[in-house]
Structure formats: C-alpha cells, structure tokens
C-alpha cells in the first residue's frame, strides 16, 4: 500500500510537512497499558508546562492549522485540527482520555509537539492507495457511533482505493472504521504540520514515536519524511492489506 498527499493538496498547501510510520505487532494488553501510562504522563507534562505560558490558540503550530482551515473555507474555531482539540481538552481537564495504549501514546506525543498525529489500523484500509485528497463527495465515512457520512465535494480527506474516507476535514476528525481497537496489530501513523519549521517538528515527532513504540512493543517501525520530491510512503510488500 502507498500513502501520499495528492498533488492538488500539496499545491494548495505549500507549507505542508508530513511523515509516516508503519509498525506490525502492537497490542493493547494490560501489561503494556501500564507502561504506556508512564510515557503518556511524561509527554502530557511537557504539553501542560507549555500551556502554563498561554493557551494553545497562540501556539504557532496551531495558528498555522487555523489559517489552513480558513483557506479551506472552514471556521477554525468550529473545526479544530486534532492536536488543537487535544491540547484544549488537556488544558481544561488536566489529562487526556484513555482509549487504547497505542492511541494514548500517539495523542500524548501529539500534544507534546502540538501537531496532528493520526494512527490508523492498517488492516482496515483497502489498498493499494491511501491518499490525502479532495473528496469527490461519494466517499463513505463511518462515525464512531456507526453512522455513515459523505464528505462534501472538495473536502480534504484520507481516501482509500475502495472510496472509504478515513477522515473528515483533513486533520479534524478521524473515521471510526479504521480506528485502533483491541484486535489491531498493524498501524499506520501520520504526522502533519503547517507552521514554519514544521519539517523539523514532524521529524522529531516521528523519531519519538519510533523510539517509544520499539521500547513498548516487539516492533521495528519504519518511518519516512514525505516531501514534494519524494511524496510517497510505501508499506512493506509483505504487509497484509484488506
């Protein structure tokens, strides 16, 4: 399977910095959950320390996504990128929700670096292509409560080869269809940034996730930074895609 951003997206958003990670062998057992909790605490503490200096709405990383959403015709205070939503919740509640060890780790790293981090169950993606592209309008998006929606034509979404949408409004809302769950074993993680210096932030985000995943699970993550010159991330040929 290939993951990439469509040329239309890259052309419309030249400030995009992105990277991807693939790993096989994760789980959500009680043993790993306890170890993940300690790592989550460290990364959320970093985010809380930064929030002590001012709300997330003033972070350059968040402001860049707000400008991006505005360019797409979305009201930024109604539709927030995933990292802003998590930071806002962390600021108000002092902690992030516990969902699944893999998701909890990715969310904690997301708030630590203030950039959206999507983690998908790779076996719930229909290959050979997962592309961030403008929607046609006939893609099917599954909400977390099981309802089916159709992204509006032109809305940026993660779309697979079967026409299933794995996100609404780009980094705003992930699909329940490919959400990590108890039986997940293979993941695709994507980090994206729009701010100046985003390439470095994405690189550090991926390095952190690679290190943490390898320390917590018997996995050997594969990562790549995606650029205009090299925009595709190819999952291993032996990886199974449904």
Protein backbone atom coordinates (compact mmCIF):
# COMPACT_ATOMS: atom_id res chain seq x y z
CA UNK A 1 0.00 0.00 0.00
CA UNK A 2 1.11 3.54 -0.80
CA UNK A 3 0.31 6.56 1.37
CA UNK A 4 0.66 10.02 -0.14
CA UNK A 5 -0.77 13.53 -0.39
CA UNK A 6 -2.33 14.32 -3.75
CA UNK A 7 -0.62 16.94 -5.90
CA UNK A 8 -3.73 19.12 -5.55
CA UNK A 9 -3.25 19.18 -1.77
CA UNK A 10 0.48 19.87 -1.95
CA UNK A 11 -0.03 22.64 -4.49
CA UNK A 12 -2.74 24.32 -2.41
CA UNK A 13 -0.74 24.00 0.81
CA UNK A 14 2.96 24.50 0.03
CA UNK A 15 3.80 24.77 3.74
CA UNK A 16 2.80 21.16 4.39
CA UNK A 17 5.34 19.00 6.23
CA UNK A 18 4.43 15.34 6.68
CA UNK A 19 5.80 11.98 7.67
CA UNK A 20 4.53 8.45 8.15
CA UNK A 21 5.32 5.38 10.25
CA UNK A 22 4.33 1.73 9.85
CA UNK A 23 4.62 -0.96 12.51
CA UNK A 24 3.33 -4.52 12.94
CA UNK A 25 2.95 -6.25 16.30
CA UNK A 26 1.21 -3.77 18.61
CA UNK A 27 -1.48 -4.79 21.11
CA UNK A 28 -3.47 -3.37 23.98
CA UNK A 29 -2.71 -5.79 26.82
CA UNK A 30 -2.81 -4.73 30.46
CA UNK A 31 0.96 -5.11 30.79
CA UNK A 32 1.76 -2.64 28.03
CA UNK A 33 -1.06 -0.33 29.15
CA UNK A 34 0.66 0.24 32.48
CA UNK A 35 3.99 1.01 30.83
CA UNK A 36 2.40 3.32 28.29
CA UNK A 37 0.73 5.29 31.09
CA UNK A 38 4.13 6.42 32.39
CA UNK A 39 5.20 7.61 28.94
CA UNK A 40 1.89 9.38 28.40
CA UNK A 41 2.37 11.21 31.70
CA UNK A 42 5.79 12.49 30.58
CA UNK A 43 4.57 13.86 27.25
CA UNK A 44 1.40 15.40 28.64
CA UNK A 45 3.51 17.06 31.36
CA UNK A 46 5.55 18.71 28.62
CA UNK A 47 2.38 20.00 26.99
CA UNK A 48 0.96 21.24 30.30
CA UNK A 49 4.18 23.12 31.00
CA UNK A 50 3.85 24.88 27.67
CA UNK A 51 0.16 25.59 28.24
CA UNK A 52 1.04 27.24 31.52
CA UNK A 53 2.55 30.03 29.43
CA UNK A 54 -0.62 30.61 27.39
CA UNK A 55 -3.46 28.74 25.66
CA UNK A 56 -2.96 26.53 22.65
CA UNK A 57 -4.66 29.09 20.41
CA UNK A 58 -1.43 31.10 20.47
CA UNK A 59 0.88 28.22 19.53
CA UNK A 60 2.48 28.73 16.08
CA UNK A 61 1.71 25.10 15.24
CA UNK A 62 -2.00 25.61 15.96
CA UNK A 63 -2.22 29.04 14.31
CA UNK A 64 -0.82 27.57 11.09
CA UNK A 65 -3.57 24.93 11.00
CA UNK A 66 -6.19 27.58 11.77
CA UNK A 67 -5.02 29.54 8.74
CA UNK A 68 -5.12 26.35 6.68
CA UNK A 69 -8.69 25.60 7.73
CA UNK A 70 -9.70 29.19 6.96
CA UNK A 71 -8.24 28.85 3.45
CA UNK A 72 -10.36 25.71 3.00
CA UNK A 73 -13.48 27.71 3.92
CA UNK A 74 -13.84 26.21 7.39
CA UNK A 75 -14.39 28.25 10.54
CA UNK A 76 -11.27 27.45 12.61
CA UNK A 77 -12.99 27.80 15.99
CA UNK A 78 -15.69 25.34 14.92
CA UNK A 79 -13.46 22.83 13.18
CA UNK A 80 -10.17 22.39 15.02
CA UNK A 81 -7.24 20.23 13.97
CA UNK A 82 -6.77 17.14 16.14
CA UNK A 83 -3.81 18.47 18.10
CA UNK A 84 -5.62 21.70 18.99
CA UNK A 85 -8.64 19.73 20.19
CA UNK A 86 -6.43 17.52 22.36
CA UNK A 87 -4.49 20.48 23.77
CA UNK A 88 -7.74 22.28 24.54
CA UNK A 89 -9.07 19.27 26.39
CA UNK A 90 -5.79 18.82 28.25
CA UNK A 91 -5.82 22.47 29.33
CA UNK A 92 -9.41 22.27 30.58
CA UNK A 93 -9.31 18.81 32.19
CA UNK A 94 -5.65 18.31 33.05
CA UNK A 95 -5.48 14.91 31.34
CA UNK A 96 -6.29 13.14 28.08
CA UNK A 97 -8.89 10.36 27.74
CA UNK A 98 -7.63 6.78 27.85
CA UNK A 99 -8.68 4.95 24.70
CA UNK A 100 -6.10 2.30 23.73
CA UNK A 101 -2.38 2.20 24.60
CA UNK A 102 -1.30 2.96 21.04
CA UNK A 103 -3.78 5.81 20.67
CA UNK A 104 -2.94 7.15 24.14
CA UNK A 105 0.77 7.26 23.26
CA UNK A 106 0.17 8.96 19.91
CA UNK A 107 -2.17 11.51 21.48
CA UNK A 108 0.38 12.32 24.18
CA UNK A 109 3.14 12.80 21.61
CA UNK A 110 0.75 14.91 19.54
CA UNK A 111 0.17 17.39 22.39
CA UNK A 112 3.88 17.41 23.28
CA UNK A 113 4.76 18.58 19.76
CA UNK A 114 1.43 20.36 19.10
CA UNK A 115 0.92 18.75 15.68
CA UNK A 116 -1.81 16.36 14.50
CA UNK A 117 -0.88 12.67 14.70
CA UNK A 118 -3.26 10.18 13.10
CA UNK A 119 -2.99 6.49 13.93
CA UNK A 120 -4.95 4.03 11.80
CA UNK A 121 -5.49 0.28 11.87
CA UNK A 122 -3.69 -0.51 8.61
CA UNK A 123 -5.66 -3.73 8.12
CA UNK A 124 -8.87 -1.67 7.90
CA UNK A 125 -7.58 0.27 4.90
CA UNK A 126 -8.30 -1.08 1.43
CA UNK A 127 -5.21 -0.84 -0.78
CA UNK A 128 -3.28 -0.24 -2.89
CA UNK A 129 -3.56 3.51 -2.20
CA UNK A 130 -4.41 5.72 0.75
CA UNK A 131 -4.33 9.33 -0.40
CA UNK A 132 -4.96 12.68 1.25
CA UNK A 133 -7.03 14.32 -1.46
CA UNK A 134 -10.09 16.45 -2.17
CA UNK A 135 -13.23 14.35 -1.85
CA UNK A 136 -15.49 13.63 -4.80
CA UNK A 137 -18.50 13.53 -2.50
CA UNK A 138 -19.36 9.84 -2.88
CA UNK A 139 -16.79 8.54 -0.35
CA UNK A 140 -18.19 6.77 2.73
CA UNK A 141 -17.09 7.94 6.17
CA UNK A 142 -18.04 5.96 9.29
CA UNK A 143 -18.55 7.88 12.52
CA UNK A 144 -17.53 6.41 15.87
CA UNK A 145 -21.18 5.63 16.60
CA UNK A 146 -21.57 3.74 13.31
CA UNK A 147 -23.35 6.30 11.14
CA UNK A 148 -22.32 6.84 7.51
CA UNK A 149 -21.49 10.31 6.22
CA UNK A 150 -20.25 11.58 2.87
CA UNK A 151 -17.54 14.26 2.83
CA UNK A 152 -18.54 17.30 0.82
CA UNK A 153 -17.01 17.55 -2.66
CA UNK A 154 -13.63 19.24 -2.35
CA UNK A 155 -13.27 18.50 1.36
CA UNK A 156 -9.79 17.16 2.10
CA UNK A 157 -9.94 13.58 3.37
CA UNK A 158 -7.85 10.43 3.67
CA UNK A 159 -9.42 8.22 0.97
CA UNK A 160 -8.53 4.62 0.19
CA UNK A 161 -8.86 2.61 -3.02
CA UNK A 162 -12.39 1.48 -2.16
CA UNK A 163 -13.62 5.06 -1.75
CA UNK A 164 -13.78 4.90 2.03
CA UNK A 165 -12.98 8.16 3.79
CA UNK A 166 -10.78 7.73 6.86
CA UNK A 167 -11.03 11.37 7.96
CA UNK A 168 -13.33 14.39 7.77
CA UNK A 169 -11.91 17.84 7.11
CA UNK A 170 -8.32 16.54 6.89
CA UNK A 171 -6.94 16.64 10.44
CA UNK A 172 -10.24 17.45 12.13
CA UNK A 173 -11.98 14.11 12.70
CA UNK A 174 -10.83 10.52 12.13
CA UNK A 175 -13.09 7.68 10.99
CA UNK A 176 -14.32 5.01 13.36
CA UNK A 177 -13.80 2.40 10.64
CA UNK A 178 -10.00 2.40 10.87
CA UNK A 179 -9.68 3.43 14.50
CA UNK A 180 -7.23 1.36 16.55
CA UNK A 181 -9.08 -1.21 18.64
CA UNK A 182 -8.50 -4.32 20.73
CA UNK A 183 -7.66 -6.54 17.77
CA UNK A 184 -5.36 -4.08 16.00
CA UNK A 185 -1.90 -5.42 15.23
CA UNK A 186 -0.68 -3.24 12.35
CA UNK A 187 -0.70 0.54 12.36
CA UNK A 188 -0.09 3.45 10.01
CA UNK A 189 0.78 6.70 11.79
CA UNK A 190 0.85 10.07 10.03
CA UNK A 191 2.16 13.37 11.44
CA UNK A 192 1.44 16.63 9.60
CA UNK A 193 2.41 20.25 10.23
CA UNK A 194 1.89 23.61 8.54
CA UNK A 195 4.00 26.01 10.61
CA UNK A 196 7.42 27.39 9.77
CA UNK A 197 9.92 24.78 10.91
CA UNK A 198 7.31 22.06 10.52
CA UNK A 199 9.74 19.70 8.80
CA UNK A 200 11.88 19.56 11.93
CA UNK A 201 8.85 19.15 14.19
CA UNK A 202 7.50 16.27 12.12
CA UNK A 203 10.92 14.61 12.06
CA UNK A 204 11.21 14.83 15.85
CA UNK A 205 7.65 13.60 16.28
CA UNK A 206 8.35 10.52 14.16
CA UNK A 207 11.66 9.86 15.92
CA UNK A 208 9.90 9.98 19.27
CA UNK A 209 7.13 7.65 18.18
CA UNK A 210 9.60 5.24 16.60
CA UNK A 211 11.63 5.09 19.81
CA UNK A 212 8.61 4.70 22.10
CA UNK A 213 6.85 2.07 20.01
CA UNK A 214 10.03 -0.01 19.76
CA UNK A 215 10.55 0.22 23.53
CA UNK A 216 6.97 -0.74 24.41
CA UNK A 217 6.12 -3.39 21.80
CA UNK A 218 8.11 -6.04 19.88
CA UNK A 219 8.03 -3.93 16.72
CA UNK A 220 10.52 -2.40 14.32
CA UNK A 221 8.84 0.73 13.00
CA UNK A 222 9.61 2.02 9.51
CA UNK A 223 9.37 5.77 9.00
CA UNK A 224 9.69 8.28 6.18
CA UNK A 225 9.52 12.02 5.77
CA UNK A 226 7.32 12.95 2.80
CA UNK A 227 8.32 15.81 0.53
CA UNK A 228 7.37 17.26 -2.85
CA UNK A 229 10.34 15.42 -4.32
CA UNK A 230 9.58 12.15 -2.52
CA UNK A 231 5.86 12.22 -1.60
CA UNK A 232 5.08 8.51 -1.23
CA UNK A 233 5.36 6.14 1.73
CA UNK A 234 5.30 2.52 0.60
CA UNK A 235 4.37 -0.07 3.18
CA UNK A 236 6.31 -3.34 3.00
CA UNK A 237 5.18 -5.57 0.17
CA UNK A 238 4.57 -8.41 2.64
CA UNK A 239 2.23 -6.29 4.81
CA UNK A 240 -1.32 -7.58 4.53
CA UNK A 241 -3.97 -5.08 3.44
CA UNK A 242 -7.65 -6.00 3.31
